[in-house]
Amino acid sequence: KAQHNTVPELRACFHVGSSYEFHQAEGLNPTLYNYIVGDVTVEMARMIDRALPGQIMVGEFPGETAHVNATGDVARPGSIEFVEQATHSLDQLSGLELSGEKIESIKCYLTGTRLRTGAFSIRRITISDKHGMSRNVFNAKVNIYRSHAEPILLGIEDRRLRADSTQAEKTAHLVKRG
């Protein structure tokens, strides 16, 4: 029986890749079934299976040629650049009301350890599934700061990942140059 005021701890995963929506009509029955299939759906299922409660994971995807950017170059950002660009877009939400308080700022970032310079590395985590297939992911945090209210902190801290040795097969810390 459910307890009063229980809230499930959710997991969230984000990834980029190919997927296809398949529509299947069943004989003379007017019911239509939709299926989403493809590499990214398999990757996402395996990521969510390894995510900890409350964790936000971002799959590692390479930058690829896809569209013309402001300088005229053809590019699509990789995982790290994608999160950085999304963070800049979050500034547009400043001033909106959330849970009765105005948003001052939203910070979204990939976690890592503090370096001697005071900056942070970005931890790339290698996880394996039951088939022995490995993939790289990043742990993400989203902090929502509101006027006159406690911040809303989404995701889990990097130090909590270090304490959970069951999640990662191996890790690497990336340092962004410049």
C-alpha atoms as a PDB file:
ATOM      1  CA  LYS A   1       0.000   0.000   0.000  1.00  0.00           C
ATOM      2  CA  ALA A   2       1.312   3.469  -0.883  1.00  0.00           C
ATOM      3  CA  GLN A   3       2.469   5.783   1.854  1.00  0.00           C
ATOM      4  CA  HIS A   4       1.190   9.322   2.228  1.00  0.00           C
ATOM      5  CA  ASN A   5       3.245  12.048   0.459  1.00  0.00           C
ATOM      6  CA  THR A   6       5.573   9.657  -1.362  1.00  0.00           C
ATOM      7  CA  VAL A   7       7.286  10.996  -4.458  1.00  0.00           C
ATOM      8  CA  PRO A   8       9.154   8.691  -6.840  1.00  0.00           C
ATOM      9  CA  GLU A   9      12.784   9.480  -7.638  1.00  0.00           C
ATOM     10  CA  LEU A  10      12.945   9.713 -11.403  1.00  0.00           C
ATOM     11  CA  ARG A  11      15.852   9.194 -13.786  1.00  0.00           C
ATOM     12  CA  ALA A  12      16.338  11.226 -16.949  1.00  0.00           C
ATOM     13  CA  CYS A  13      18.533  10.496 -19.952  1.00  0.00           C
ATOM     14  CA  PHE A  14      19.218  12.558 -23.065  1.00  0.00           C
ATOM     15  CA  HIS A  15      20.938  11.391 -26.221  1.00  0.00           C
ATOM     16  CA  VAL A  16      21.177  12.168 -29.924  1.00  0.00           C
ATOM     17  CA  GLY A  17      20.997   9.572 -32.676  1.00  0.00           C
ATOM     18  CA  SER A  18      18.842   8.007 -35.337  1.00  0.00           C
ATOM     19  CA  SER A  19      15.338   6.772 -34.613  1.00  0.00           C
ATOM     20  CA  TYR A  20      12.327   5.886 -36.689  1.00  0.00           C
ATOM     21  CA  GLU A  21       8.623   5.933 -35.950  1.00  0.00           C
ATOM     22  CA  PHE A  22       6.875   2.854 -37.268  1.00  0.00           C
ATOM     23  CA  HIS A  23       3.072   2.884 -37.710  1.00  0.00           C
ATOM     24  CA  GLN A  24       1.421  -0.518 -37.695  1.00  0.00           C
ATOM     25  CA  ALA A  25      -2.240  -0.918 -38.608  1.00  0.00           C
ATOM     26  CA  GLU A  26      -3.742  -4.171 -37.436  1.00  0.00           C
ATOM     27  CA  GLY A  27      -5.828  -5.849 -40.161  1.00  0.00           C
ATOM     28  CA  LEU A  28      -9.403  -4.604 -40.345  1.00  0.00           C
ATOM     29  CA  ASN A  29      -9.207  -3.216 -36.805  1.00  0.00           C
ATOM     30  CA  PRO A  30      -8.996   0.602 -36.939  1.00  0.00           C
ATOM     31  CA  THR A  31      -6.465   0.645 -34.069  1.00  0.00           C
ATOM     32  CA  LEU A  32      -3.080   2.039 -35.058  1.00  0.00           C
ATOM     33  CA  TYR A  33       0.050   1.137 -33.112  1.00  0.00           C
ATOM     34  CA  ASN A  34       3.112   3.369 -33.147  1.00  0.00           C
ATOM     35  CA  TYR A  35       6.601   2.151 -32.338  1.00  0.00           C
ATOM     36  CA  ILE A  36       9.774   4.176 -32.041  1.00  0.00           C
ATOM     37  CA  VAL A  37      12.825   2.124 -32.970  1.00  0.00           C
ATOM     38  CA  GLY A  38      16.459   2.795 -33.781  1.00  0.00           C
ATOM     39  CA  ASP A  39      19.928   3.043 -32.313  1.00  0.00           C
ATOM     40  CA  VAL A  40      19.134   5.957 -30.018  1.00  0.00           C
ATOM     41  CA  THR A  41      16.175   4.146 -28.428  1.00  0.00           C
ATOM     42  CA  VAL A  42      18.392   1.161 -27.605  1.00  0.00           C
ATOM     43  CA  GLU A  43      21.095   3.465 -26.200  1.00  0.00           C
ATOM     44  CA  MET A  44      18.545   5.370 -24.107  1.00  0.00           C
ATOM     45  CA  ALA A  45      17.057   2.158 -22.678  1.00  0.00           C
ATOM     46  CA  ARG A  46      20.501   0.962 -21.633  1.00  0.00           C
ATOM     47  CA  MET A  47      21.411   4.344 -20.155  1.00  0.00           C
ATOM     48  CA  ILE A  48      18.210   4.580 -18.105  1.00  0.00           C
ATOM     49  CA  ASP A  49      18.803   1.040 -16.841  1.00  0.00           C
ATOM     50  CA  ARG A  50      22.159   2.146 -15.360  1.00  0.00           C
ATOM     51  CA  ALA A  51      21.081   5.598 -14.123  1.00  0.00           C
ATOM     52  CA  LEU A  52      20.759   6.103 -10.386  1.00  0.00           C
ATOM     53  CA  PRO A  53      17.501   7.413  -8.889  1.00  0.00           C
ATOM     54  CA  GLY A  54      17.475  11.189  -9.313  1.00  0.00           C
ATOM     55  CA  GLN A  55      20.280  11.160 -11.890  1.00  0.00           C
ATOM     56  CA  ILE A  56      20.347  13.042 -15.199  1.00  0.00           C
ATOM     57  CA  MET A  57      22.548  11.396 -17.850  1.00  0.00           C
ATOM     58  CA  VAL A  58      23.641  12.787 -21.195  1.00  0.00           C
ATOM     59  CA  GLY A  59      24.931  10.272 -23.731  1.00  0.00           C
ATOM     60  CA  GLU A  60      28.209  11.012 -25.476  1.00  0.00           C
ATOM     61  CA  PHE A  61      27.614  11.902 -29.098  1.00  0.00           C
ATOM     62  CA  PRO A  62      30.155  13.378 -31.491  1.00  0.00           C
ATOM     63  CA  GLY A  63      29.740  16.646 -33.296  1.00  0.00           C
ATOM     64  CA  GLU A  64      28.730  15.985 -36.890  1.00  0.00           C
ATOM     65  CA  THR A  65      28.029  17.983 -40.007  1.00  0.00           C
ATOM     66  CA  ALA A  66      24.366  18.920 -40.015  1.00  0.00           C
ATOM     67  CA  HIS A  67      23.684  22.647 -40.495  1.00  0.00           C
ATOM     68  CA  VAL A  68      25.406  25.938 -41.240  1.00  0.00           C
ATOM     69  CA  ASN A  69      26.278  27.911 -38.096  1.00  0.00           C
ATOM     70  CA  ALA A  70      26.706  31.708 -37.737  1.00  0.00           C
ATOM     71  CA  THR A  71      30.224  31.665 -39.197  1.00  0.00           C
ATOM     72  CA  GLY A  72      29.132  29.733 -42.271  1.00  0.00           C
ATOM     73  CA  ASP A  73      30.742  26.484 -41.136  1.00  0.00           C
ATOM     74  CA  VAL A  74      28.733  23.281 -41.257  1.00  0.00           C
ATOM     75  CA  ALA A  75      28.606  21.792 -37.755  1.00  0.00           C
ATOM     76  CA  ARG A  76      26.517  20.103 -35.071  1.00  0.00           C
ATOM     77  CA  PRO A  77      27.795  20.248 -31.504  1.00  0.00           C
ATOM     78  CA  GLY A  78      28.889  17.214 -29.517  1.00  0.00           C
ATOM     79  CA  SER A  79      27.530  16.439 -26.041  1.00  0.00           C
ATOM     80  CA  ILE A  80      29.610  18.979 -24.137  1.00  0.00           C
ATOM     81  CA  GLU A  81      28.971  21.825 -26.573  1.00  0.00           C
ATOM     82  CA  PHE A  82      25.272  20.929 -26.727  1.00  0.00           C
ATOM     83  CA  VAL A  83      24.895  21.327 -22.942  1.00  0.00           C
ATOM     84  CA  GLU A  84      26.847  24.611 -23.037  1.00  0.00           C
ATOM     85  CA  GLN A  85      24.579  25.979 -25.785  1.00  0.00           C
ATOM     86  CA  ALA A  86      21.455  24.827 -23.925  1.00  0.00           C
ATOM     87  CA  THR A  87      22.690  26.625 -20.802  1.00  0.00           C
ATOM     88  CA  HIS A  88      22.860  29.921 -22.688  1.00  0.00           C
ATOM     89  CA  SER A  89      19.273  29.404 -23.899  1.00  0.00           C
ATOM     90  CA  LEU A  90      18.070  28.959 -20.308  1.00  0.00           C
ATOM     91  CA  ASP A  91      18.743  32.661 -19.650  1.00  0.00           C
ATOM     92  CA  GLN A  92      15.497  33.328 -21.545  1.00  0.00           C
ATOM     93  CA  LEU A  93      13.555  31.755 -18.645  1.00  0.00           C
ATOM     94  CA  SER A  94      14.719  34.367 -16.114  1.00  0.00           C
ATOM     95  CA  GLY A  95      11.742  36.205 -14.629  1.00  0.00           C
ATOM     96  CA  LEU A  96       9.228  33.401 -15.238  1.00  0.00           C
ATOM     97  CA  GLU A  97       7.323  32.147 -12.204  1.00  0.00           C
ATOM     98  CA  LEU A  98       8.006  28.629 -10.925  1.00  0.00           C
ATOM     99  CA  SER A  99       6.306  27.274  -7.795  1.00  0.00           C
ATOM    100  CA  GLY A 100       5.156  30.759  -6.855  1.00  0.00           C
ATOM    101  CA  GLU A 101       8.593  32.422  -7.171  1.00  0.00           C
ATOM    102  CA  LYS A 102      10.385  34.151 -10.043  1.00  0.00           C
ATOM    103  CA  ILE A 103      13.326  32.378 -11.638  1.00  0.00           C
ATOM    104  CA  GLU A 104      16.574  34.317 -11.183  1.00  0.00           C
ATOM    105  CA  SER A 105      18.770  31.905 -13.139  1.00  0.00           C
ATOM    106  CA  ILE A 106      19.094  28.309 -14.259  1.00  0.00           C
ATOM    107  CA  LYS A 107      22.464  26.595 -14.437  1.00  0.00           C
ATOM    108  CA  CYS A 108      22.889  23.345 -16.355  1.00  0.00           C
ATOM    109  CA  TYR A 109      26.273  21.616 -16.437  1.00  0.00           C
ATOM    110  CA  LEU A 110      28.089  18.323 -16.734  1.00  0.00           C
ATOM    111  CA  THR A 111      29.730  17.333 -13.452  1.00  0.00           C
ATOM    112  CA  GLY A 112      33.316  16.518 -12.571  1.00  0.00           C
ATOM    113  CA  THR A 113      35.936  17.216  -9.929  1.00  0.00           C
ATOM    114  CA  ARG A 114      37.394  20.570  -8.902  1.00  0.00           C
ATOM    115  CA  LEU A 115      40.810  21.269 -10.418  1.00  0.00           C
ATOM    116  CA  ARG A 116      43.647  23.187  -8.767  1.00  0.00           C
ATOM    117  CA  THR A 117      42.718  26.202 -10.906  1.00  0.00           C
ATOM    118  CA  GLY A 118      39.238  26.284  -9.348  1.00  0.00           C
ATOM    119  CA  ALA A 119      37.605  25.159 -12.600  1.00  0.00           C
ATOM    120  CA  PHE A 120      35.897  21.769 -12.877  1.00  0.00           C
ATOM    121  CA  SER A 121      36.677  18.803 -15.089  1.00  0.00           C
ATOM    122  CA  ILE A 122      33.903  16.967 -16.909  1.00  0.00           C
ATOM    123  CA  ARG A 123      33.695  13.320 -15.969  1.00  0.00           C
ATOM    124  CA  ARG A 124      33.082  10.878 -18.829  1.00  0.00           C
ATOM    125  CA  ILE A 125      31.629   7.655 -17.426  1.00  0.00           C
ATOM    126  CA  THR A 126      31.822   4.336 -19.277  1.00  0.00           C
ATOM    127  CA  ILE A 127      28.929   2.016 -18.477  1.00  0.00           C
ATOM    128  CA  SER A 128      28.328  -1.528 -19.713  1.00  0.00           C
ATOM    129  CA  ASP A 129      25.106  -3.416 -20.214  1.00  0.00           C
ATOM    130  CA  LYS A 130      24.235  -7.084 -19.723  1.00  0.00           C
ATOM    131  CA  HIS A 131      25.455  -7.830 -23.266  1.00  0.00           C
ATOM    132  CA  GLY A 132      28.938  -6.466 -22.514  1.00  0.00           C
ATOM    133  CA  MET A 133      28.400  -3.421 -24.735  1.00  0.00           C
ATOM    134  CA  SER A 134      29.935  -0.190 -23.414  1.00  0.00           C
ATOM    135  CA  ARG A 135      28.899   3.421 -23.935  1.00  0.00           C
ATOM    136  CA  ASN A 136      30.073   6.758 -22.603  1.00  0.00           C
ATOM    137  CA  VAL A 137      27.786   9.109 -20.689  1.00  0.00           C
ATOM    138  CA  PHE A 138      28.057  12.286 -18.648  1.00  0.00           C
ATOM    139  CA  ASN A 139      26.343  13.135 -15.366  1.00  0.00           C
ATOM    140  CA  ALA A 140      24.374  16.399 -15.519  1.00  0.00           C
ATOM    141  CA  LYS A 141      22.965  18.797 -12.923  1.00  0.00           C
ATOM    142  CA  VAL A 142      20.333  21.505 -13.301  1.00  0.00           C
ATOM    143  CA  ASN A 143      20.103  24.147 -10.569  1.00  0.00           C
ATOM    144  CA  ILE A 144      17.132  26.528 -10.628  1.00  0.00           C
ATOM    145  CA  TYR A 145      17.610  29.649  -8.517  1.00  0.00           C
ATOM    146  CA  ARG A 146      14.456  31.563  -7.525  1.00  0.00           C
ATOM    147  CA  SER A 147      13.801  34.881  -5.790  1.00  0.00           C
ATOM    148  CA  HIS A 148      13.058  34.503  -2.060  1.00  0.00           C
ATOM    149  CA  ALA A 149      13.042  30.684  -2.187  1.00  0.00           C
ATOM    150  CA  GLU A 150      15.361  27.734  -1.854  1.00  0.00           C
ATOM    151  CA  PRO A 151      16.883  26.603  -5.166  1.00  0.00           C
ATOM    152  CA  ILE A 152      15.516  23.568  -6.960  1.00  0.00           C
ATOM    153  CA  LEU A 153      18.434  21.177  -7.481  1.00  0.00           C
ATOM    154  CA  LEU A 154      17.956  18.453 -10.089  1.00  0.00           C
ATOM    155  CA  GLY A 155      20.357  15.585 -10.721  1.00  0.00           C
ATOM    156  CA  ILE A 156      23.012  14.195  -8.407  1.00  0.00           C
ATOM    157  CA  GLU A 157      26.419  15.523  -7.463  1.00  0.00           C
ATOM    158  CA  ASP A 158      29.620  14.035  -8.838  1.00  0.00           C
ATOM    159  CA  ARG A 159      30.834  13.024  -5.365  1.00  0.00           C
ATOM    160  CA  ARG A 160      27.762  10.791  -4.992  1.00  0.00           C
ATOM    161  CA  LEU A 161      28.780   8.989  -8.191  1.00  0.00           C
ATOM    162  CA  ARG A 162      32.243   8.307  -6.789  1.00  0.00           C
ATOM    163  CA  ALA A 163      30.627   6.687  -3.746  1.00  0.00           C
ATOM    164  CA  ASP A 164      28.570   4.350  -5.972  1.00  0.00           C
ATOM    165  CA  SER A 165      31.079   1.933  -7.471  1.00  0.00           C
ATOM    166  CA  THR A 166      28.371  -0.210  -9.099  1.00  0.00           C
ATOM    167  CA  GLN A 167      27.534   2.277 -11.850  1.00  0.00           C
ATOM    168  CA  ALA A 168      30.728   2.925 -13.784  1.00  0.00           C
ATOM    169  CA  GLU A 169      33.075   0.506 -15.472  1.00  0.00           C
ATOM    170  CA  LYS A 170      35.642   3.307 -15.791  1.00  0.00           C
ATOM    171  CA  THR A 171      35.773   7.079 -15.783  1.00  0.00           C
ATOM    172  CA  ALA A 172      37.891   9.788 -17.379  1.00  0.00           C
ATOM    173  CA  HIS A 173      38.055  13.463 -16.516  1.00  0.00           C
ATOM    174  CA  LEU A 174      38.044  15.842 -19.468  1.00  0.00           C
ATOM    175  CA  VAL A 175      39.442  19.353 -19.169  1.00  0.00           C
ATOM    176  CA  LYS A 176      38.035  21.947 -21.540  1.00  0.00           C
ATOM    177  CA  ARG A 177      40.711  24.172 -23.051  1.00  0.00           C
ATOM    178  CA  GLY A 178      40.184  27.904 -23.380  1.00  0.00           C
END
